[in-house]
């Protein structure tokens, strides 16, 4: 019998998120911050994909069933109309699968964006409490190689205070 693992999401901060990517904060009024995210792709032939995504909340506590990663590109999300959302990330094991023992859960405010480093395992966008809209930027060639999925084979639940 597999034991249920419960993780409590905590407010995101740049230092805690740094192994997985960059936290994108709004600049001070009337200013501009350049190069705040490491936007990268590992091959030529990929195109910048700027998309608009509508994310919906899922019942809490959140039961994790799958993780995804983009092995050839970073992936950035900036909220357009979002109150709060969850960011779930983990490093890879030696075999390339998600290291679920090191899963981290963060809560982002609507004014905070994120940029996942290339190859970072993460959960699909999940808003808290209400639907939300994001812009997303990544490099892709629209092939199945752009996204890898991994089923979560044990019960993991994320709670939000």
Protein backbone atom coordinates (compact mmCIF):
# COMPACT_ATOMS: atom_id res chain seq x y z
CA UNK A 1 0.00 0.00 0.00
CA UNK A 2 1.35 3.42 -0.99
CA UNK A 3 1.27 6.18 1.59
CA UNK A 4 -0.48 9.44 0.71
CA UNK A 5 1.95 12.35 0.61
CA UNK A 6 0.56 15.79 1.40
CA UNK A 7 2.45 18.97 0.49
CA UNK A 8 1.38 22.41 1.66
CA UNK A 9 1.92 25.12 -0.96
CA UNK A 10 3.83 28.18 0.24
CA UNK A 11 4.18 31.68 -1.18
CA UNK A 12 6.73 31.73 -3.97
CA UNK A 13 10.02 33.57 -3.64
CA UNK A 14 12.83 33.95 -6.15
CA UNK A 15 15.44 32.04 -4.13
CA UNK A 16 13.26 28.97 -3.53
CA UNK A 17 12.16 28.88 -7.18
CA UNK A 18 15.66 29.50 -8.63
CA UNK A 19 16.55 25.81 -9.19
CA UNK A 20 13.52 25.55 -11.49
CA UNK A 21 13.41 28.93 -13.22
CA UNK A 22 12.89 32.62 -12.61
CA UNK A 23 10.19 34.51 -10.75
CA UNK A 24 9.00 37.43 -12.88
CA UNK A 25 7.97 40.38 -10.72
CA UNK A 26 6.35 43.56 -11.97
CA UNK A 27 8.87 46.40 -12.27
CA UNK A 28 8.62 49.55 -10.23
CA UNK A 29 6.19 52.13 -11.56
CA UNK A 30 7.40 53.74 -14.75
CA UNK A 31 10.36 51.42 -15.24
CA UNK A 32 11.35 48.42 -17.33
CA UNK A 33 13.31 45.34 -16.28
CA UNK A 34 15.08 43.61 -19.18
CA UNK A 35 16.27 40.00 -19.33
CA UNK A 36 14.37 38.91 -16.22
CA UNK A 37 13.90 35.37 -17.56
CA UNK A 38 16.28 32.92 -19.18
CA UNK A 39 14.41 32.40 -22.46
CA UNK A 40 16.12 29.53 -24.28
CA UNK A 41 15.74 26.86 -26.93
CA UNK A 42 18.26 24.15 -27.78
CA UNK A 43 17.72 23.78 -31.52
CA UNK A 44 17.22 25.80 -34.63
CA UNK A 45 13.96 25.28 -36.47
CA UNK A 46 11.86 26.20 -33.46
CA UNK A 47 9.64 29.25 -33.49
CA UNK A 48 8.59 31.53 -30.69
CA UNK A 49 5.07 30.58 -29.62
CA UNK A 50 3.27 33.37 -27.78
CA UNK A 51 -0.06 31.93 -26.65
CA UNK A 52 -2.97 33.03 -24.49
CA UNK A 53 -4.12 30.36 -22.03
CA UNK A 54 -7.30 30.14 -19.98
CA UNK A 55 -6.68 28.13 -16.79
CA UNK A 56 -9.38 26.84 -14.49
CA UNK A 57 -9.22 26.00 -10.82
CA UNK A 58 -9.34 22.39 -9.73
CA UNK A 59 -10.82 21.20 -6.45
CA UNK A 60 -8.56 21.61 -3.43
CA UNK A 61 -6.70 19.87 -2.05
CA UNK A 62 -5.23 19.17 -5.48
CA UNK A 63 -4.55 15.54 -6.39
CA UNK A 64 -1.52 15.39 -8.69
CA UNK A 65 -1.95 12.94 -11.57
CA UNK A 66 0.67 14.04 -14.13
CA UNK A 67 3.68 16.28 -14.64
CA UNK A 68 5.04 17.75 -17.86
CA UNK A 69 8.28 19.23 -19.13
CA UNK A 70 9.62 20.86 -22.26
CA UNK A 71 13.06 19.39 -22.99
CA UNK A 72 13.92 21.81 -25.80
CA UNK A 73 12.66 25.16 -24.47
CA UNK A 74 12.07 27.31 -21.47
CA UNK A 75 8.43 28.23 -20.86
CA UNK A 76 7.24 31.55 -19.43
CA UNK A 77 3.80 32.46 -18.06
CA UNK A 78 2.62 36.00 -17.30
CA UNK A 79 -0.81 36.42 -15.73
CA UNK A 80 -3.20 38.78 -17.49
CA UNK A 81 -6.27 38.31 -15.29
CA UNK A 82 -5.41 36.00 -12.40
CA UNK A 83 -5.87 36.26 -8.64
CA UNK A 84 -3.67 33.38 -7.47
CA UNK A 85 -2.28 30.22 -9.01
CA UNK A 86 -0.29 27.13 -8.10
CA UNK A 87 3.20 26.32 -9.34
CA UNK A 88 4.32 22.72 -8.79
CA UNK A 89 7.87 21.79 -9.81
CA UNK A 90 10.46 19.10 -9.27
CA UNK A 91 13.88 18.15 -10.61
CA UNK A 92 14.57 15.04 -12.67
CA UNK A 93 15.79 11.72 -11.35
CA UNK A 94 18.87 10.14 -12.95
CA UNK A 95 16.55 8.26 -15.36
CA UNK A 96 14.92 11.53 -16.51
CA UNK A 97 11.60 10.96 -14.73
CA UNK A 98 10.22 13.53 -12.25
CA UNK A 99 11.78 13.29 -8.77
CA UNK A 100 8.47 13.43 -6.90
CA UNK A 101 10.24 13.12 -3.54
CA UNK A 102 11.56 16.63 -4.19
CA UNK A 103 8.29 18.13 -5.44
CA UNK A 104 7.84 21.78 -4.44
CA UNK A 105 4.51 23.64 -4.34
CA UNK A 106 4.26 27.42 -4.54
CA UNK A 107 1.45 29.98 -4.56
CA UNK A 108 1.83 32.93 -6.94
CA UNK A 109 -0.10 36.20 -6.80
CA UNK A 110 -1.68 37.56 -9.94
CA UNK A 111 1.13 40.08 -10.46
CA UNK A 112 3.86 37.42 -10.50
CA UNK A 113 4.94 35.50 -13.56
CA UNK A 114 7.22 32.50 -13.86
CA UNK A 115 9.72 31.18 -16.37
CA UNK A 116 10.47 27.46 -16.19
CA UNK A 117 14.01 26.47 -17.15
CA UNK A 118 14.27 24.12 -20.11
CA UNK A 119 13.50 20.56 -18.96
CA UNK A 120 11.90 21.47 -15.61
CA UNK A 121 9.11 19.11 -14.56
CA UNK A 122 5.98 21.06 -13.68
CA UNK A 123 2.25 20.62 -13.26
CA UNK A 124 -0.12 22.23 -15.79
CA UNK A 125 -1.31 25.73 -14.89
CA UNK A 126 -3.89 25.64 -12.11
CA UNK A 127 -5.55 28.75 -10.74
CA UNK A 128 -6.83 29.02 -7.18
CA UNK A 129 -10.46 29.95 -6.61
CA UNK A 130 -11.33 31.44 -10.00
CA UNK A 131 -10.42 30.96 -13.67
CA UNK A 132 -7.57 33.05 -15.02
CA UNK A 133 -5.86 34.08 -18.24
CA UNK A 134 -2.12 33.96 -18.92
CA UNK A 135 0.23 34.65 -21.77
CA UNK A 136 2.70 31.85 -22.42
CA UNK A 137 5.98 32.02 -24.34
CA UNK A 138 8.05 29.04 -25.43
CA UNK A 139 9.98 27.87 -28.49
CA UNK A 140 8.53 24.89 -30.33
CA UNK A 141 8.18 23.13 -33.64
CA UNK A 142 4.61 21.93 -32.91
CA UNK A 143 5.74 18.30 -32.72
CA UNK A 144 5.12 15.78 -29.92
CA UNK A 145 8.79 16.24 -28.92
CA UNK A 146 7.96 19.68 -27.50
CA UNK A 147 6.22 18.28 -24.40
CA UNK A 148 6.95 15.15 -22.35
CA UNK A 149 4.31 13.85 -19.94
CA UNK A 150 4.80 11.60 -16.93
CA UNK A 151 1.98 9.99 -14.96
CA UNK A 152 2.23 10.33 -11.20
CA UNK A 153 2.15 6.75 -9.94
CA UNK A 154 1.55 7.44 -6.25
CA UNK A 155 -0.92 9.58 -4.32
CA UNK A 156 0.30 13.16 -3.87
CA UNK A 157 -1.99 15.91 -2.65
CA UNK A 158 -1.25 19.64 -2.51
CA UNK A 159 -3.06 21.73 0.07
CA UNK A 160 -3.42 25.52 0.01
CA UNK A 161 -3.85 27.54 3.18
